[in-house]
């Protein structure tokens, strides 16, 4: 069982990350050339891309989606 304090710590870590939404861009799947990366934010809220060594496509998709998924899960738990 997760405690209220643990839930607050998870939420605080999520809020400290770069702007969302995050989206994974995989070469030959989502764009033609360049490296795989996670785009953070959109438009004027855009921040630095995240690049990783040794990550699979599934890793990129999972990490990118946590920026949107964790707040939804926290909200569901709090209800």
N, C-alpha and C. Protein backbone atom coordinates (compact mmCIF):
# COMPACT_ATOMS: atom_id res chain seq x y z
N UNK A 1 0.84 -1.17 0.00
CA UNK A 1 0.00 0.00 0.00
C UNK A 1 0.89 1.24 0.00
N UNK A 2 0.52 2.22 -0.76
CA UNK A 2 1.27 3.46 -0.85
C UNK A 2 0.73 4.46 0.19
N UNK A 3 1.65 5.12 0.87
CA UNK A 3 1.22 6.09 1.88
C UNK A 3 0.98 7.46 1.22
N UNK A 4 0.30 8.33 1.94
CA UNK A 4 0.07 9.69 1.45
C UNK A 4 1.39 10.41 1.21
N UNK A 5 2.35 10.21 2.12
CA UNK A 5 3.66 10.86 1.96
C UNK A 5 4.38 10.36 0.72
N UNK A 6 4.31 9.05 0.45
CA UNK A 6 4.94 8.50 -0.75
C UNK A 6 4.30 9.07 -2.01
N UNK A 7 2.99 9.17 -2.00
CA UNK A 7 2.26 9.73 -3.14
C UNK A 7 2.66 11.18 -3.38
N UNK A 8 2.79 11.94 -2.31
CA UNK A 8 3.22 13.34 -2.43
C UNK A 8 4.65 13.44 -2.97
N UNK A 9 5.53 12.52 -2.58
CA UNK A 9 6.91 12.51 -3.08
C UNK A 9 6.94 12.20 -4.58
N UNK A 10 6.12 11.26 -5.01
CA UNK A 10 6.03 10.91 -6.44
C UNK A 10 5.54 12.12 -7.23
N UNK A 11 4.50 12.75 -6.73
CA UNK A 11 3.94 13.93 -7.40
C UNK A 11 4.96 15.06 -7.47
N UNK A 12 5.71 15.27 -6.40
CA UNK A 12 6.73 16.33 -6.37
C UNK A 12 7.83 16.05 -7.39
N UNK A 13 8.26 14.79 -7.50
CA UNK A 13 9.29 14.45 -8.50
C UNK A 13 8.78 14.72 -9.91
N UNK A 14 7.53 14.38 -10.17
CA UNK A 14 6.94 14.59 -11.49
C UNK A 14 6.87 16.07 -11.82
N UNK A 15 6.49 16.89 -10.85
CA UNK A 15 6.35 18.33 -11.09
C UNK A 15 7.69 19.02 -11.32
N UNK A 16 8.79 18.42 -10.87
CA UNK A 16 10.12 19.02 -11.03
C UNK A 16 10.70 18.79 -12.43
N UNK A 17 10.09 17.92 -13.20
CA UNK A 17 10.62 17.61 -14.53
C UNK A 17 10.29 18.71 -15.53
N UNK A 18 10.87 18.61 -16.72
CA UNK A 18 10.63 19.59 -17.77
C UNK A 18 9.15 19.62 -18.16
N UNK A 19 8.77 20.71 -18.83
CA UNK A 19 7.39 20.90 -19.25
C UNK A 19 6.87 19.73 -20.07
N UNK A 20 5.59 19.49 -19.96
CA UNK A 20 4.93 18.48 -20.77
C UNK A 20 4.10 19.14 -21.84
N UNK A 21 3.49 18.39 -22.69
CA UNK A 21 3.58 16.94 -22.74
C UNK A 21 4.93 16.49 -23.28
N UNK A 22 5.27 15.23 -22.99
CA UNK A 22 6.46 14.62 -23.56
C UNK A 22 6.02 13.67 -24.66
N UNK A 23 6.82 13.59 -25.72
CA UNK A 23 6.51 12.67 -26.82
C UNK A 23 7.80 12.06 -27.33
N UNK A 24 7.81 10.75 -27.48
CA UNK A 24 8.97 10.04 -28.02
C UNK A 24 8.98 10.19 -29.54
N UNK A 25 10.15 10.47 -30.08
CA UNK A 25 10.37 10.51 -31.53
C UNK A 25 11.46 9.50 -31.85
N UNK A 26 11.08 8.46 -32.59
CA UNK A 26 11.99 7.39 -32.94
C UNK A 26 12.31 7.49 -34.43
N UNK A 27 13.62 7.48 -34.74
CA UNK A 27 14.05 7.55 -36.14
C UNK A 27 13.44 6.40 -36.93
N UNK A 28 12.98 6.68 -38.13
CA UNK A 28 12.34 5.75 -39.05
C UNK A 28 10.94 5.33 -38.61
N UNK A 29 10.48 5.78 -37.46
CA UNK A 29 9.10 5.54 -37.04
C UNK A 29 8.34 6.86 -37.02
N UNK A 30 8.96 7.88 -36.41
CA UNK A 30 8.29 9.17 -36.21
C UNK A 30 8.94 10.31 -36.99
N UNK A 31 10.15 10.11 -37.46
CA UNK A 31 10.85 11.12 -38.26
C UNK A 31 11.89 10.42 -39.11
N UNK A 32 12.36 11.12 -40.15
CA UNK A 32 13.21 10.51 -41.16
C UNK A 32 14.68 10.37 -40.77
N UNK A 33 15.25 11.39 -40.14
CA UNK A 33 16.67 11.30 -39.84
C UNK A 33 16.98 11.97 -38.51
N UNK A 34 18.11 11.62 -37.95
CA UNK A 34 18.51 12.14 -36.66
C UNK A 34 18.42 11.04 -35.62
N UNK A 35 18.59 11.40 -34.39
CA UNK A 35 18.59 10.40 -33.32
C UNK A 35 17.20 10.26 -32.71
N UNK A 36 17.05 9.22 -31.91
CA UNK A 36 15.83 9.06 -31.12
C UNK A 36 15.88 10.07 -29.98
N UNK A 37 14.73 10.64 -29.60
CA UNK A 37 14.70 11.60 -28.51
C UNK A 37 13.29 11.72 -27.96
N UNK A 38 13.19 12.36 -26.80
CA UNK A 38 11.90 12.71 -26.21
C UNK A 38 11.78 14.23 -26.28
N UNK A 39 10.74 14.70 -26.94
CA UNK A 39 10.47 16.14 -27.01
C UNK A 39 9.70 16.54 -25.76
N UNK A 40 10.14 17.61 -25.12
CA UNK A 40 9.48 18.09 -23.91
C UNK A 40 8.82 19.43 -24.18
N UNK A 41 7.56 19.54 -23.79
CA UNK A 41 6.81 20.77 -23.98
C UNK A 41 6.44 21.01 -25.43
N UNK A 42 5.64 22.06 -25.63
CA UNK A 42 5.20 22.43 -26.97
C UNK A 42 5.24 23.95 -27.11
N UNK A 43 5.44 24.41 -28.34
CA UNK A 43 5.39 25.85 -28.61
C UNK A 43 6.32 26.64 -27.72
N UNK A 44 5.79 27.69 -27.09
CA UNK A 44 6.63 28.54 -26.25
C UNK A 44 7.05 27.83 -24.95
N UNK A 45 6.40 26.71 -24.63
CA UNK A 45 6.75 25.93 -23.44
C UNK A 45 7.76 24.82 -23.74
N UNK A 46 8.27 24.79 -24.96
CA UNK A 46 9.21 23.76 -25.38
C UNK A 46 10.50 23.91 -24.60
N UNK A 47 11.05 22.77 -24.14
CA UNK A 47 12.32 22.76 -23.44
C UNK A 47 13.29 21.82 -24.15
N UNK A 48 14.37 21.49 -23.48
CA UNK A 48 15.41 20.66 -24.08
C UNK A 48 14.90 19.25 -24.39
N UNK A 49 15.34 18.70 -25.52
CA UNK A 49 15.04 17.31 -25.84
C UNK A 49 15.83 16.41 -24.89
N UNK A 50 15.29 15.23 -24.65
CA UNK A 50 15.95 14.22 -23.83
C UNK A 50 16.44 13.12 -24.75
N UNK A 51 17.72 12.81 -24.68
CA UNK A 51 18.30 11.72 -25.45
C UNK A 51 18.92 10.72 -24.49
N UNK A 52 18.85 9.44 -24.83
CA UNK A 52 19.36 8.39 -23.95
C UNK A 52 20.22 7.42 -24.73
N UNK A 53 21.19 6.84 -24.07
CA UNK A 53 22.02 5.79 -24.65
C UNK A 53 21.49 4.44 -24.19
N UNK A 54 21.40 3.51 -25.11
CA UNK A 54 21.02 2.15 -24.76
C UNK A 54 19.53 1.92 -24.57
N UNK A 55 18.72 2.91 -24.80
CA UNK A 55 17.26 2.77 -24.60
C UNK A 55 16.62 2.14 -25.84
N UNK A 56 15.65 1.28 -25.61
CA UNK A 56 14.87 0.70 -26.70
C UNK A 56 13.73 1.65 -27.06
N UNK A 57 13.05 1.37 -28.17
CA UNK A 57 11.87 2.15 -28.53
C UNK A 57 10.84 2.09 -27.40
N UNK A 58 10.67 0.92 -26.82
CA UNK A 58 9.71 0.76 -25.72
C UNK A 58 10.11 1.61 -24.52
N UNK A 59 11.42 1.70 -24.24
CA UNK A 59 11.90 2.54 -23.14
C UNK A 59 11.55 4.00 -23.39
N UNK A 60 11.82 4.48 -24.62
CA UNK A 60 11.49 5.86 -24.97
C UNK A 60 9.99 6.13 -24.81
N UNK A 61 9.16 5.23 -25.33
CA UNK A 61 7.71 5.41 -25.24
C UNK A 61 7.25 5.41 -23.78
N UNK A 62 7.79 4.49 -22.98
CA UNK A 62 7.40 4.40 -21.58
C UNK A 62 7.79 5.67 -20.82
N UNK A 63 9.02 6.10 -20.96
CA UNK A 63 9.50 7.28 -20.23
C UNK A 63 8.75 8.53 -20.68
N UNK A 64 8.56 8.68 -21.99
CA UNK A 64 7.84 9.86 -22.49
C UNK A 64 6.41 9.89 -21.93
N UNK A 65 5.76 8.76 -21.88
CA UNK A 65 4.37 8.73 -21.42
C UNK A 65 4.21 8.89 -19.91
N UNK A 66 5.27 8.65 -19.14
CA UNK A 66 5.14 8.83 -17.69
C UNK A 66 4.79 10.27 -17.33
N UNK A 67 5.24 11.23 -18.13
CA UNK A 67 4.95 12.65 -17.85
C UNK A 67 3.45 12.90 -17.85
N UNK A 68 2.71 12.19 -18.69
CA UNK A 68 1.26 12.33 -18.74
C UNK A 68 0.56 11.30 -17.84
N UNK A 69 1.13 10.09 -17.74
CA UNK A 69 0.48 9.00 -17.03
C UNK A 69 0.49 9.17 -15.51
N UNK A 70 1.62 9.60 -14.95
CA UNK A 70 1.72 9.69 -13.49
C UNK A 70 0.71 10.68 -12.91
N UNK A 71 0.56 11.90 -13.46
CA UNK A 71 -0.47 12.79 -12.91
C UNK A 71 -1.88 12.18 -12.97
N UNK A 72 -2.19 11.45 -14.06
CA UNK A 72 -3.50 10.80 -14.17
C UNK A 72 -3.68 9.74 -13.09
N UNK A 73 -2.64 8.95 -12.86
CA UNK A 73 -2.72 7.90 -11.84
C UNK A 73 -2.86 8.50 -10.44
N UNK A 74 -2.12 9.57 -10.17
CA UNK A 74 -2.23 10.23 -8.87
C UNK A 74 -3.64 10.77 -8.66
N UNK A 75 -4.18 11.39 -9.69
CA UNK A 75 -5.55 11.92 -9.59
C UNK A 75 -6.55 10.80 -9.31
N UNK A 76 -6.37 9.66 -9.96
CA UNK A 76 -7.26 8.53 -9.76
C UNK A 76 -7.15 7.99 -8.33
N UNK A 77 -5.96 7.94 -7.80
CA UNK A 77 -5.74 7.44 -6.44
C UNK A 77 -6.39 8.37 -5.42
N UNK A 78 -6.27 9.66 -5.66
CA UNK A 78 -6.79 10.66 -4.71
C UNK A 78 -8.31 10.65 -4.64
N UNK A 79 -8.97 10.29 -5.76
CA UNK A 79 -10.45 10.30 -5.80
C UNK A 79 -11.07 9.47 -4.71
